[in-house]
Amino acid sequence: MIYLLKVLLGALVWVVANVVYVDLKRKGIRGFTRFAAFWTGTPTTWISLFAIKEGSQPVIDPPPDDDGEALLAEIRRDRALDPGDPDGAVEADVDDVPEADPSRKLEL
């Protein structure tokens, strides 16, 4: 039983070391952690050394903020319906507020 646990723990350390080495190489990060992961994950990391390009991880741009334009358009529509104070303080009765359009859906 002890032998099985040693083998499983060794295999787990080996897999983690290989994953860490590949991740650090793709990001282009150098240092002791990458060095230690390389030697802990041997012999598979030798294949990764030649197969993976340094800094090959793609840069992902964040998606455009389209919700900001929709919110700004809605604020402009609301101000056009009830201009209120020039300072921006609007006091309106509950009856004066237009009802929401049920055909429009809020996307999160």
PDB file of N, CA and C in Angstrom:
ATOM      1  N   MET A   1       0.828  -1.195   0.000  1.00  0.00           N
ATOM      2  CA  MET A   1       0.000   0.000   0.000  1.00  0.00           C
ATOM      3  C   MET A   1       0.871   1.257   0.000  1.00  0.00           C
ATOM      4  N   ILE A   2       1.922   1.267   0.789  1.00  0.00           N
ATOM      5  CA  ILE A   2       2.825   2.414   0.864  1.00  0.00           C
ATOM      6  C   ILE A   2       3.513   2.607  -0.493  1.00  0.00           C
ATOM      7  N   TYR A   3       3.896   1.511  -1.113  1.00  0.00           N
ATOM      8  CA  TYR A   3       4.550   1.592  -2.416  1.00  0.00           C
ATOM      9  C   TYR A   3       3.616   2.229  -3.447  1.00  0.00           C
ATOM     10  N   LEU A   4       2.340   1.865  -3.421  1.00  0.00           N
ATOM     11  CA  LEU A   4       1.356   2.416  -4.335  1.00  0.00           C
ATOM     12  C   LEU A   4       1.211   3.926  -4.132  1.00  0.00           C
ATOM     13  N   LEU A   5       1.165   4.375  -2.886  1.00  0.00           N
ATOM     14  CA  LEU A   5       1.060   5.804  -2.598  1.00  0.00           C
ATOM     15  C   LEU A   5       2.295   6.562  -3.083  1.00  0.00           C
ATOM     16  N   LYS A   6       3.475   5.951  -2.914  1.00  0.00           N
ATOM     17  CA  LYS A   6       4.708   6.593  -3.394  1.00  0.00           C
ATOM     18  C   LYS A   6       4.687   6.736  -4.915  1.00  0.00           C
ATOM     19  N   VAL A   7       4.232   5.699  -5.588  1.00  0.00           N
ATOM     20  CA  VAL A   7       4.176   5.735  -7.046  1.00  0.00           C
ATOM     21  C   VAL A   7       3.159   6.768  -7.518  1.00  0.00           C
ATOM     22  N   LEU A   8       1.989   6.807  -6.892  1.00  0.00           N
ATOM     23  CA  LEU A   8       0.962   7.774  -7.276  1.00  0.00           C
ATOM     24  C   LEU A   8       1.414   9.213  -7.011  1.00  0.00           C
ATOM     25  N   LEU A   9       2.060   9.444  -5.867  1.00  0.00           N
ATOM     26  CA  LEU A   9       2.561  10.770  -5.545  1.00  0.00           C
ATOM     27  C   LEU A   9       3.666  11.180  -6.523  1.00  0.00           C
ATOM     28  N   GLY A  10       4.543  10.260  -6.855  1.00  0.00           N
ATOM     29  CA  GLY A  10       5.597  10.547  -7.829  1.00  0.00           C
ATOM     30  C   GLY A  10       5.030  10.874  -9.205  1.00  0.00           C
ATOM     31  N   ALA A  11       4.011  10.144  -9.610  1.00  0.00           N
ATOM     32  CA  ALA A  11       3.379  10.402 -10.905  1.00  0.00           C
ATOM     33  C   ALA A  11       2.676  11.757 -10.907  1.00  0.00           C
ATOM     34  N   LEU A  12       2.030  12.090  -9.805  1.00  0.00           N
ATOM     35  CA  LEU A  12       1.353  13.377  -9.688  1.00  0.00           C
ATOM     36  C   LEU A  12       2.353  14.534  -9.754  1.00  0.00           C
ATOM     37  N   VAL A  13       3.466  14.413  -9.040  1.00  0.00           N
ATOM     38  CA  VAL A  13       4.508  15.445  -9.076  1.00  0.00           C
ATOM     39  C   VAL A  13       5.074  15.569 -10.483  1.00  0.00           C
ATOM     40  N   TRP A  14       5.287  14.455 -11.162  1.00  0.00           N
ATOM     41  CA  TRP A  14       5.826  14.464 -12.520  1.00  0.00           C
ATOM     42  C   TRP A  14       4.880  15.175 -13.485  1.00  0.00           C
ATOM     43  N   VAL A  15       3.578  14.882 -13.395  1.00  0.00           N
ATOM     44  CA  VAL A  15       2.581  15.506 -14.274  1.00  0.00           C
ATOM     45  C   VAL A  15       2.499  17.008 -13.999  1.00  0.00           C
ATOM     46  N   VAL A  16       2.451  17.392 -12.719  1.00  0.00           N
ATOM     47  CA  VAL A  16       2.378  18.812 -12.364  1.00  0.00           C
ATOM     48  C   VAL A  16       3.624  19.543 -12.853  1.00  0.00           C
ATOM     49  N   ALA A  17       4.794  18.948 -12.706  1.00  0.00           N
ATOM     50  CA  ALA A  17       6.034  19.576 -13.161  1.00  0.00           C
ATOM     51  C   ALA A  17       6.014  19.789 -14.668  1.00  0.00           C
ATOM     52  N   ASN A  18       5.518  18.834 -15.420  1.00  0.00           N
ATOM     53  CA  ASN A  18       5.432  18.987 -16.873  1.00  0.00           C
ATOM     54  C   ASN A  18       4.445  20.083 -17.266  1.00  0.00           C
ATOM     55  N   VAL A  19       3.308  20.131 -16.613  1.00  0.00           N
ATOM     56  CA  VAL A  19       2.310  21.157 -16.911  1.00  0.00           C
ATOM     57  C   VAL A  19       2.863  22.540 -16.570  1.00  0.00           C
ATOM     58  N   VAL A  20       3.519  22.677 -15.433  1.00  0.00           N
ATOM     59  CA  VAL A  20       4.095  23.959 -15.028  1.00  0.00           C
ATOM     60  C   VAL A  20       5.187  24.384 -16.009  1.00  0.00           C
ATOM     61  N   TYR A  21       6.043  23.455 -16.412  1.00  0.00           N
ATOM     62  CA  TYR A  21       7.114  23.794 -17.348  1.00  0.00           C
ATOM     63  C   TYR A  21       6.550  24.266 -18.687  1.00  0.00           C
ATOM     64  N   VAL A  22       5.567  23.545 -19.224  1.00  0.00           N
ATOM     65  CA  VAL A  22       4.975  23.927 -20.506  1.00  0.00           C
ATOM     66  C   VAL A  22       4.315  25.298 -20.388  1.00  0.00           C
ATOM     67  N   ASP A  23       3.603  25.544 -19.295  1.00  0.00           N
ATOM     68  CA  ASP A  23       2.932  26.827 -19.098  1.00  0.00           C
ATOM     69  C   ASP A  23       3.943  27.967 -19.009  1.00  0.00           C
ATOM     70  N   LEU A  24       4.997  27.788 -18.239  1.00  0.00           N
ATOM     71  CA  LEU A  24       6.008  28.831 -18.102  1.00  0.00           C
ATOM     72  C   LEU A  24       6.746  29.074 -19.415  1.00  0.00           C
ATOM     73  N   LYS A  25       6.984  28.032 -20.178  1.00  0.00           N
ATOM     74  CA  LYS A  25       7.672  28.196 -21.461  1.00  0.00           C
ATOM     75  C   LYS A  25       6.787  28.933 -22.450  1.00  0.00           C
ATOM     76  N   ARG A  26       5.499  28.595 -22.485  1.00  0.00           N
ATOM     77  CA  ARG A  26       4.576  29.289 -23.385  1.00  0.00           C
ATOM     78  C   ARG A  26       4.445  30.761 -23.031  1.00  0.00           C
ATOM     79  N   LYS A  27       4.486  31.090 -21.745  1.00  0.00           N
ATOM     80  CA  LYS A  27       4.389  32.484 -21.318  1.00  0.00           C
ATOM     81  C   LYS A  27       5.711  33.224 -21.465  1.00  0.00           C
ATOM     82  N   GLY A  28       6.800  32.480 -21.649  1.00  0.00           N
ATOM     83  CA  GLY A  28       8.112  33.108 -21.804  1.00  0.00           C
ATOM     84  C   GLY A  28       8.736  33.525 -20.485  1.00  0.00           C
ATOM     85  N   ILE A  29       8.332  32.905 -19.397  1.00  0.00           N
ATOM     86  CA  ILE A  29       8.848  33.237 -18.070  1.00  0.00           C
ATOM     87  C   ILE A  29      10.051  32.351 -17.767  1.00  0.00           C
ATOM     88  N   ARG A  30      11.149  32.987 -17.398  1.00  0.00           N
ATOM     89  CA  ARG A  30      12.351  32.244 -17.026  1.00  0.00           C
ATOM     90  C   ARG A  30      12.553  32.370 -15.513  1.00  0.00           C
ATOM     91  N   GLY A  31      13.323  31.482 -14.953  1.00  0.00           N
ATOM     92  CA  GLY A  31      13.621  31.573 -13.537  1.00  0.00           C
ATOM     93  C   GLY A  31      13.815  30.206 -12.914  1.00  0.00           C
ATOM     94  N   PHE A  32      13.949  30.224 -11.589  1.00  0.00           N
ATOM     95  CA  PHE A  32      14.218  28.984 -10.868  1.00  0.00           C
ATOM     96  C   PHE A  32      13.053  28.007 -10.965  1.00  0.00           C
ATOM     97  N   THR A  33      11.820  28.526 -10.933  1.00  0.00           N
ATOM     98  CA  THR A  33      10.652  27.636 -10.988  1.00  0.00           C
ATOM     99  C   THR A  33      10.641  26.841 -12.286  1.00  0.00           C
ATOM    100  N   ARG A  34      10.935  27.512 -13.382  1.00  0.00           N
ATOM    101  CA  ARG A  34      10.975  26.807 -14.668  1.00  0.00           C
ATOM    102  C   ARG A  34      12.119  25.799 -14.703  1.00  0.00           C
ATOM    103  N   PHE A  35      13.261  26.170 -14.150  1.00  0.00           N
ATOM    104  CA  PHE A  35      14.407  25.263 -14.087  1.00  0.00           C
ATOM    105  C   PHE A  35      14.076  24.020 -13.260  1.00  0.00           C
ATOM    106  N   ALA A  36      13.465  24.233 -12.079  1.00  0.00           N
ATOM    107  CA  ALA A  36      13.114  23.112 -11.199  1.00  0.00           C
ATOM    108  C   ALA A  36      12.049  22.225 -11.843  1.00  0.00           C
ATOM    109  N   ALA A  37      11.078  22.847 -12.502  1.00  0.00           N
ATOM    110  CA  ALA A  37      10.036  22.063 -13.172  1.00  0.00           C
ATOM    111  C   ALA A  37      10.623  21.238 -14.311  1.00  0.00           C
ATOM    112  N   PHE A  38      11.603  21.812 -15.016  1.00  0.00           N
ATOM    113  CA  PHE A  38      12.240  21.078 -16.119  1.00  0.00           C
ATOM    114  C   PHE A  38      12.896  19.799 -15.601  1.00  0.00           C
ATOM    115  N   TRP A  39      13.701  19.915 -14.539  1.00  0.00           N
ATOM    116  CA  TRP A  39      14.420  18.728 -14.055  1.00  0.00           C
ATOM    117  C   TRP A  39      13.530  17.765 -13.290  1.00  0.00           C
ATOM    118  N   THR A  40      12.442  18.255 -12.686  1.00  0.00           N
ATOM    119  CA  THR A  40      11.515  17.347 -12.004  1.00  0.00           C
ATOM    120  C   THR A  40      10.694  16.555 -13.007  1.00  0.00           C
ATOM    121  N   GLY A  41      10.388  17.168 -14.150  1.00  0.00           N
ATOM    122  CA  GLY A  41       9.553  16.508 -15.149  1.00  0.00           C
ATOM    123  C   GLY A  41      10.303  15.726 -16.191  1.00  0.00           C
ATOM    124  N   THR A  42      11.613  15.572 -16.039  1.00  0.00           N
ATOM    125  CA  THR A  42      12.413  14.834 -17.008  1.00  0.00           C
ATOM    126  C   THR A  42      11.886  13.402 -17.117  1.00  0.00           C
ATOM    127  N   PRO A  43      11.816  12.772 -18.229  1.00  0.00           N
ATOM    128  CA  PRO A  43      12.346  13.043 -19.558  1.00  0.00           C
ATOM    129  C   PRO A  43      11.371  13.750 -20.496  1.00  0.00           C
ATOM    130  N   THR A  44      10.102  13.872 -20.118  1.00  0.00           N
ATOM    131  CA  THR A  44       9.124  14.458 -21.032  1.00  0.00           C
ATOM    132  C   THR A  44       9.405  15.925 -21.317  1.00  0.00           C
ATOM    133  N   THR A  45       9.971  16.637 -20.353  1.00  0.00           N
ATOM    134  CA  THR A  45      10.238  18.053 -20.576  1.00  0.00           C
ATOM    135  C   THR A  45      11.295  18.276 -21.657  1.00  0.00           C
ATOM    136  N   TRP A  46      12.129  17.283 -21.941  1.00  0.00           N
ATOM    137  CA  TRP A  46      13.085  17.411 -23.041  1.00  0.00           C
ATOM    138  C   TRP A  46      12.342  17.530 -24.364  1.00  0.00           C
ATOM    139  N   ILE A  47      11.238  16.812 -24.492  1.00  0.00           N
ATOM    140  CA  ILE A  47      10.420  16.920 -25.709  1.00  0.00           C
ATOM    141  C   ILE A  47       9.789  18.311 -25.776  1.00  0.00           C
ATOM    142  N   SER A  48       9.269  18.785 -24.645  1.00  0.00           N
ATOM    143  CA  SER A  48       8.658  20.113 -24.595  1.00  0.00           C
ATOM    144  C   SER A  48       9.673  21.208 -24.882  1.00  0.00           C
ATOM    145  N   LEU A  49      10.928  20.987 -24.505  1.00  0.00           N
ATOM    146  CA  LEU A  49      11.981  21.971 -24.737  1.00  0.00           C
ATOM    147  C   LEU A  49      12.108  22.292 -26.220  1.00  0.00           C
ATOM    148  N   PHE A  50      12.001  21.275 -27.060  1.00  0.00           N
ATOM    149  CA  PHE A  50      12.158  21.486 -28.495  1.00  0.00           C
ATOM    150  C   PHE A  50      10.831  21.672 -29.230  1.00  0.00           C
ATOM    151  N   ALA A  51       9.737  21.197 -28.674  1.00  0.00           N
ATOM    152  CA  ALA A  51       8.456  21.230 -29.379  1.00  0.00           C
ATOM    153  C   ALA A  51       7.691  22.542 -29.187  1.00  0.00           C
ATOM    154  N   ILE A  52       7.914  23.239 -28.076  1.00  0.00           N
ATOM    155  CA  ILE A  52       7.137  24.435 -27.763  1.00  0.00           C
ATOM    156  C   ILE A  52       8.010  25.668 -27.940  1.00  0.00           C
ATOM    157  N   LYS A  53       7.482  26.651 -28.665  1.00  0.00           N
ATOM    158  CA  LYS A  53       8.214  27.890 -28.874  1.00  0.00           C
ATOM    159  C   LYS A  53       8.149  28.756 -27.623  1.00  0.00           C
ATOM    160  N   GLU A  54       9.217  29.486 -27.386  1.00  0.00           N
ATOM    161  CA  GLU A  54       9.289  30.412 -26.255  1.00  0.00           C
ATOM    162  C   GLU A  54       8.285  31.546 -26.472  1.00  0.00           C
ATOM    163  N   GLY A  55       7.426  31.787 -25.496  1.00  0.00           N
ATOM    164  CA  GLY A  55       6.461  32.880 -25.589  1.00  0.00           C
ATOM    165  C   GLY A  55       5.408  32.682 -26.649  1.00  0.00           C
ATOM    166  N   SER A  56       4.943  31.448 -26.847  1.00  0.00           N
ATOM    167  CA  SER A  56       3.990  31.162 -27.923  1.00  0.00           C
ATOM    168  C   SER A  56       2.532  31.285 -27.486  1.00  0.00           C
ATOM    169  N   GLN A  57       2.285  31.708 -26.252  1.00  0.00           N
ATOM    170  CA  GLN A  57       0.910  31.829 -25.786  1.00  0.00           C
ATOM    171  C   GLN A  57       0.250  33.029 -26.456  1.00  0.00           C
ATOM    172  N   PRO A  58      -0.934  32.849 -27.044  1.00  0.00           N
ATOM    173  CA  PRO A  58      -1.585  33.959 -27.729  1.00  0.00           C
ATOM    174  C   PRO A  58      -2.093  35.010 -26.731  1.00  0.00           C
ATOM    175  N   VAL A  59      -2.051  36.260 -27.167  1.00  0.00           N
ATOM    176  CA  VAL A  59      -2.574  37.353 -26.352  1.00  0.00           C
ATOM    177  C   VAL A  59      -4.046  37.511 -26.699  1.00  0.00           C
ATOM    178  N   ILE A  60      -4.891  37.433 -25.691  1.00  0.00           N
ATOM    179  CA  ILE A  60      -6.333  37.499 -25.908  1.00  0.00           C
ATOM    180  C   ILE A  60      -6.811  38.887 -25.519  1.00  0.00           C
ATOM    181  N   ASP A  61      -7.418  39.591 -26.482  1.00  0.00           N
ATOM    182  CA  ASP A  61      -7.955  40.918 -26.220  1.00  0.00           C
ATOM    183  C   ASP A  61      -9.323  40.783 -25.568  1.00  0.00           C
ATOM    184  N   PRO A  62      -9.647  41.688 -24.625  1.00  0.00           N
ATOM    185  CA  PRO A  62     -10.970  41.618 -24.012  1.00  0.00           C
ATOM    186  C   PRO A  62     -12.043  41.997 -25.035  1.00  0.00           C
ATOM    187  N   PRO A  63     -13.245  41.462 -24.870  1.00  0.00           N
ATOM    188  CA  PRO A  63     -14.311  41.789 -25.816  1.00  0.00           C
ATOM    189  C   PRO A  63     -14.704  43.261 -25.703  1.00  0.00           C
ATOM    190  N   PRO A  64     -15.229  43.845 -26.766  1.00  0.00           N
ATOM    191  CA  PRO A  64     -15.621  45.254 -26.704  1.00  0.00           C
ATOM    192  C   PRO A  64     -16.794  45.450 -25.749  1.00  0.00           C
ATOM    193  N   ASP A  65     -16.866  46.632 -25.169  1.00  0.00           N
ATOM    194  CA  ASP A  65     -17.914  46.943 -24.205  1.00  0.00           C
ATOM    195  C   ASP A  65     -19.097  47.552 -24.943  1.00  0.00           C
ATOM    196  N   ASP A  66     -19.987  46.705 -25.457  1.00  0.00           N
ATOM    197  CA  ASP A  66     -21.155  47.180 -26.188  1.00  0.00           C
ATOM    198  C   ASP A  66     -22.266  47.618 -25.256  1.00  0.00           C
ATOM    199  N   ASP A  67     -22.265  47.122 -24.011  1.00  0.00           N
ATOM    200  CA  ASP A  67     -23.319  47.473 -23.063  1.00  0.00           C
ATOM    201  C   ASP A  67     -23.256  48.945 -22.689  1.00  0.00           C
ATOM    202  N   GLY A  68     -22.079  49.542 -22.728  1.00  0.00           N
ATOM    203  CA  GLY A  68     -21.934  50.952 -22.368  1.00  0.00           C
ATOM    204  C   GLY A  68     -22.681  51.856 -23.331  1.00  0.00           C
ATOM    205  N   GLU A  69     -22.633  51.542 -24.621  1.00  0.00           N
ATOM    206  CA  GLU A  69     -23.339  52.346 -25.624  1.00  0.00           C
ATOM    207  C   GLU A  69     -24.850  52.227 -25.446  1.00  0.00           C
ATOM    208  N   ALA A  70     -25.334  51.028 -25.163  1.00  0.00           N
ATOM    209  CA  ALA A  70     -26.773  50.833 -24.965  1.00  0.00           C
ATOM    210  C   ALA A  70     -27.256  51.581 -23.726  1.00  0.00           C
ATOM    211  N   LEU A  71     -26.464  51.554 -22.667  1.00  0.00           N
ATOM    212  CA  LEU A  71     -26.830  52.254 -21.443  1.00  0.00           C
ATOM    213  C   LEU A  71     -26.836  53.763 -21.672  1.00  0.00           C
ATOM    214  N   LEU A  72     -25.848  54.271 -22.386  1.00  0.00           N
ATOM    215  CA  LEU A  72     -25.789  55.696 -22.679  1.00  0.00           C
ATOM    216  C   LEU A  72     -26.981  56.125 -23.530  1.00  0.00           C
ATOM    217  N   ALA A  73     -27.368  55.315 -24.504  1.00  0.00           N
ATOM    218  CA  ALA A  73     -28.530  55.634 -25.334  1.00  0.00           C
ATOM    219  C   ALA A  73     -29.808  55.654 -24.499  1.00  0.00           C
ATOM    220  N   GLU A  74     -29.923  54.730 -23.548  1.00  0.00           N
ATOM    221  CA  GLU A  74     -31.102  54.697 -22.695  1.00  0.00           C
ATOM    222  C   GLU A  74     -31.157  55.918 -21.786  1.00  0.00           C
ATOM    223  N   ILE A  75     -30.025  56.350 -21.272  1.00  0.00           N
ATOM    224  CA  ILE A  75     -29.979  57.547 -20.431  1.00  0.00           C
ATOM    225  C   ILE A  75     -30.382  58.767 -21.247  1.00  0.00           C
ATOM    226  N   ARG A  76     -29.911  58.853 -22.474  1.00  0.00           N
ATOM    227  CA  ARG A  76     -30.282  59.980 -23.335  1.00  0.00           C
ATOM    228  C   ARG A  76     -31.778  59.982 -23.636  1.00  0.00           C
ATOM    229  N   ARG A  77     -32.365  58.793 -23.867  1.00  0.00           N
ATOM    230  CA  ARG A  77     -33.807  58.713 -24.091  1.00  0.00           C
ATOM    231  C   ARG A  77     -34.582  59.152 -22.874  1.00  0.00           C
ATOM    232  N   ASP A  78     -34.149  58.731 -21.691  1.00  0.00           N
ATOM    233  CA  ASP A  78     -34.833  59.116 -20.459  1.00  0.00           C
ATOM    234  C   ASP A  78     -34.754  60.618 -20.234  1.00  0.00           C
ATOM    235  N   ARG A  79     -33.614  61.220 -20.498  1.00  0.00           N
ATOM    236  CA  ARG A  79     -33.476  62.667 -20.316  1.00  0.00           C
ATOM    237  C   ARG A  79     -34.307  63.427 -21.337  1.00  0.00           C
ATOM    238  N   ALA A  80     -34.468  62.857 -22.524  1.00  0.00           N
ATOM    239  CA  ALA A  80     -35.287  63.519 -23.542  1.00  0.00           C
ATOM    240  C   ALA A  80     -36.762  63.486 -23.149  1.00  0.00           C
ATOM    241  N   LEU A  81     -37.199  62.435 -22.465  1.00  0.00           N
ATOM    242  CA  LEU A  81     -38.587  62.345 -22.023  1.00  0.00           C
ATOM    243  C   LEU A  81     -38.877  63.305 -20.882  1.00  0.00           C
ATOM    244  N   ASP A  82     -37.966  63.458 -19.940  1.00  0.00           N
ATOM    245  CA  ASP A  82     -38.161  64.314 -18.772  1.00  0.00           C
ATOM    246  C   ASP A  82     -36.852  65.036 -18.481  1.00  0.00           C
ATOM    247  N   PRO A  83     -36.680  66.250 -19.043  1.00  0.00           N
ATOM    248  CA  PRO A  83     -35.405  66.928 -18.879  1.00  0.00           C
ATOM    249  C   PRO A  83     -35.059  67.241 -17.431  1.00  0.00           C
ATOM    250  N   GLY A  84     -36.042  67.560 -16.573  1.00  0.00           N
ATOM    251  CA  GLY A  84     -35.769  67.803 -15.153  1.00  0.00           C
ATOM    252  C   GLY A  84     -34.918  69.031 -14.913  1.00  0.00           C
ATOM    253  N   ASP A  85     -34.190  69.034 -13.819  1.00  0.00           N
ATOM    254  CA  ASP A  85     -33.314  70.146 -13.455  1.00  0.00           C
ATOM    255  C   ASP A  85     -32.099  70.182 -14.363  1.00  0.00           C
ATOM    256  N   PRO A  86     -31.542  71.368 -14.585  1.00  0.00           N
ATOM    257  CA  PRO A  86     -30.300  71.419 -15.338  1.00  0.00           C
ATOM    258  C   PRO A  86     -29.129  70.806 -14.567  1.00  0.00           C
ATOM    259  N   ASP A  87     -29.266  70.714 -13.246  1.00  0.00           N
ATOM    260  CA  ASP A  87     -28.211  70.120 -12.419  1.00  0.00           C
ATOM    261  C   ASP A  87     -28.215  68.603 -12.492  1.00  0.00           C
ATOM    262  N   GLY A  88     -29.248  68.034 -13.047  1.00  0.00           N
ATOM    263  CA  GLY A  88     -29.307  66.589 -13.171  1.00  0.00           C
ATOM    264  C   GLY A  88     -30.211  65.937 -12.148  1.00  0.00           C
ATOM    265  N   ALA A  89     -30.713  66.716 -11.162  1.00  0.00           N
ATOM    266  CA  ALA A  89     -31.604  66.152 -10.157  1.00  0.00           C
ATOM    267  C   ALA A  89     -33.012  66.112 -10.745  1.00  0.00           C
ATOM    268  N   VAL A  90     -33.542  64.947 -10.939  1.00  0.00           N
ATOM    269  CA  VAL A  90     -34.851  64.782 -11.550  1.00  0.00           C
ATOM    270  C   VAL A  90     -35.798  64.251 -10.495  1.00  0.00           C
ATOM    271  N   GLU A  91     -36.895  65.012 -10.304  1.00  0.00           N
ATOM    272  CA  GLU A  91     -37.926  64.546  -9.393  1.00  0.00           C
ATOM    273  C   GLU A  91     -39.176  64.325 -10.223  1.00  0.00           C
ATOM    274  N   ALA A  92     -39.530  63.101 -10.413  1.00  0.00           N
ATOM    275  CA  ALA A  92     -40.696  62.764 -11.227  1.00  0.00           C
ATOM    276  C   ALA A  92     -41.629  61.889 -10.414  1.00  0.00           C
ATOM    277  N   ASP A  93     -42.905  62.005 -10.730  1.00  0.00           N
ATOM    278  CA  ASP A  93     -43.887  61.138 -10.086  1.00  0.00           C
ATOM    279  C   ASP A  93     -43.773  59.741 -10.672  1.00  0.00           C
ATOM    280  N   VAL A  94     -44.286  58.781  -9.921  1.00  0.00           N
ATOM    281  CA  VAL A  94     -44.247  57.408 -10.392  1.00  0.00           C
ATOM    282  C   VAL A  94     -45.091  57.247 -11.653  1.00  0.00           C
ATOM    283  N   ASP A  95     -46.161  58.039 -11.762  1.00  0.00           N
ATOM    284  CA  ASP A  95     -47.036  57.940 -12.928  1.00  0.00           C
ATOM    285  C   ASP A  95     -46.376  58.489 -14.191  1.00  0.00           C
ATOM    286  N   ASP A  96     -45.386  59.374 -14.045  1.00  0.00           N
ATOM    287  CA  ASP A  96     -44.738  59.990 -15.194  1.00  0.00           C
ATOM    288  C   ASP A  96     -43.662  59.107 -15.824  1.00  0.00           C
ATOM    289  N   VAL A  97     -43.265  58.027 -15.141  1.00  0.00           N
ATOM    290  CA  VAL A  97     -42.190  57.175 -15.645  1.00  0.00           C
ATOM    291  C   VAL A  97     -42.742  56.286 -16.752  1.00  0.00           C
ATOM    292  N   PRO A  98     -42.118  56.284 -17.944  1.00  0.00           N
ATOM    293  CA  PRO A  98     -42.625  55.431 -19.029  1.00  0.00           C
ATOM    294  C   PRO A  98     -42.418  53.955 -18.704  1.00  0.00           C
ATOM    295  N   GLU A  99     -43.330  53.142 -19.215  1.00  0.00           N
ATOM    296  CA  GLU A  99     -43.231  51.704 -18.971  1.00  0.00           C
ATOM    297  C   GLU A  99     -42.116  51.105 -19.823  1.00  0.00           C
ATOM    298  N   ALA A 100     -41.536  50.014 -19.348  1.00  0.00           N
ATOM    299  CA  ALA A 100     -40.468  49.333 -20.074  1.00  0.00           C
ATOM    300  C   ALA A 100     -41.054  48.616 -21.273  1.00  0.00           C
ATOM    301  N   ASP A 101     -40.276  48.566 -22.344  1.00  0.00           N
ATOM    302  CA  ASP A 101     -40.681  47.874 -23.549  1.00  0.00           C
ATOM    303  C   ASP A 101     -40.447  46.375 -23.352  1.00  0.00           C
ATOM    304  N   PRO A 102     -41.506  45.552 -23.345  1.00  0.00           N
ATOM    305  CA  PRO A 102     -41.306  44.109 -23.081  1.00  0.00           C
ATOM    306  C   PRO A 102     -40.573  43.379 -24.198  1.00  0.00           C
ATOM    307  N   SER A 103     -40.492  43.994 -25.396  1.00  0.00           N
ATOM    308  CA  SER A 103     -39.801  43.309 -26.481  1.00  0.00           C
ATOM    309  C   SER A 103     -38.278  43.372 -26.321  1.00  0.00           C
ATOM    310  N   ARG A 104     -37.786  44.330 -25.531  1.00  0.00           N
ATOM    311  CA  ARG A 104     -36.351  44.438 -25.290  1.00  0.00           C
ATOM    312  C   ARG A 104     -35.953  43.533 -24.137  1.00  0.00           C
ATOM    313  N   LYS A 105     -34.877  42.825 -24.312  1.00  0.00           N
ATOM    314  CA  LYS A 105     -34.401  41.929 -23.270  1.00  0.00           C
ATOM    315  C   LYS A 105     -33.053  42.429 -22.776  1.00  0.00           C
ATOM    316  N   LEU A 106     -32.823  42.299 -21.487  1.00  0.00           N
ATOM    317  CA  LEU A 106     -31.546  42.674 -20.896  1.00  0.00           C
ATOM    318  C   LEU A 106     -30.605  41.491 -20.998  1.00  0.00           C
ATOM    319  N   GLU A 107     -29.475  41.707 -21.682  1.00  0.00           N
ATOM    320  CA  GLU A 107     -28.494  40.631 -21.835  1.00  0.00           C
ATOM    321  C   GLU A 107     -27.380  40.829 -20.823  1.00  0.00           C
ATOM    322  N   LEU A 108     -27.053  39.752 -20.133  1.00  0.00           N
ATOM    323  CA  LEU A 108     -25.973  39.830 -19.144  1.00  0.00           C
ATOM    324  C   LEU A 108     -24.744  39.169 -19.659  1.00  0.00           C
TER     325      LEU A 108
END
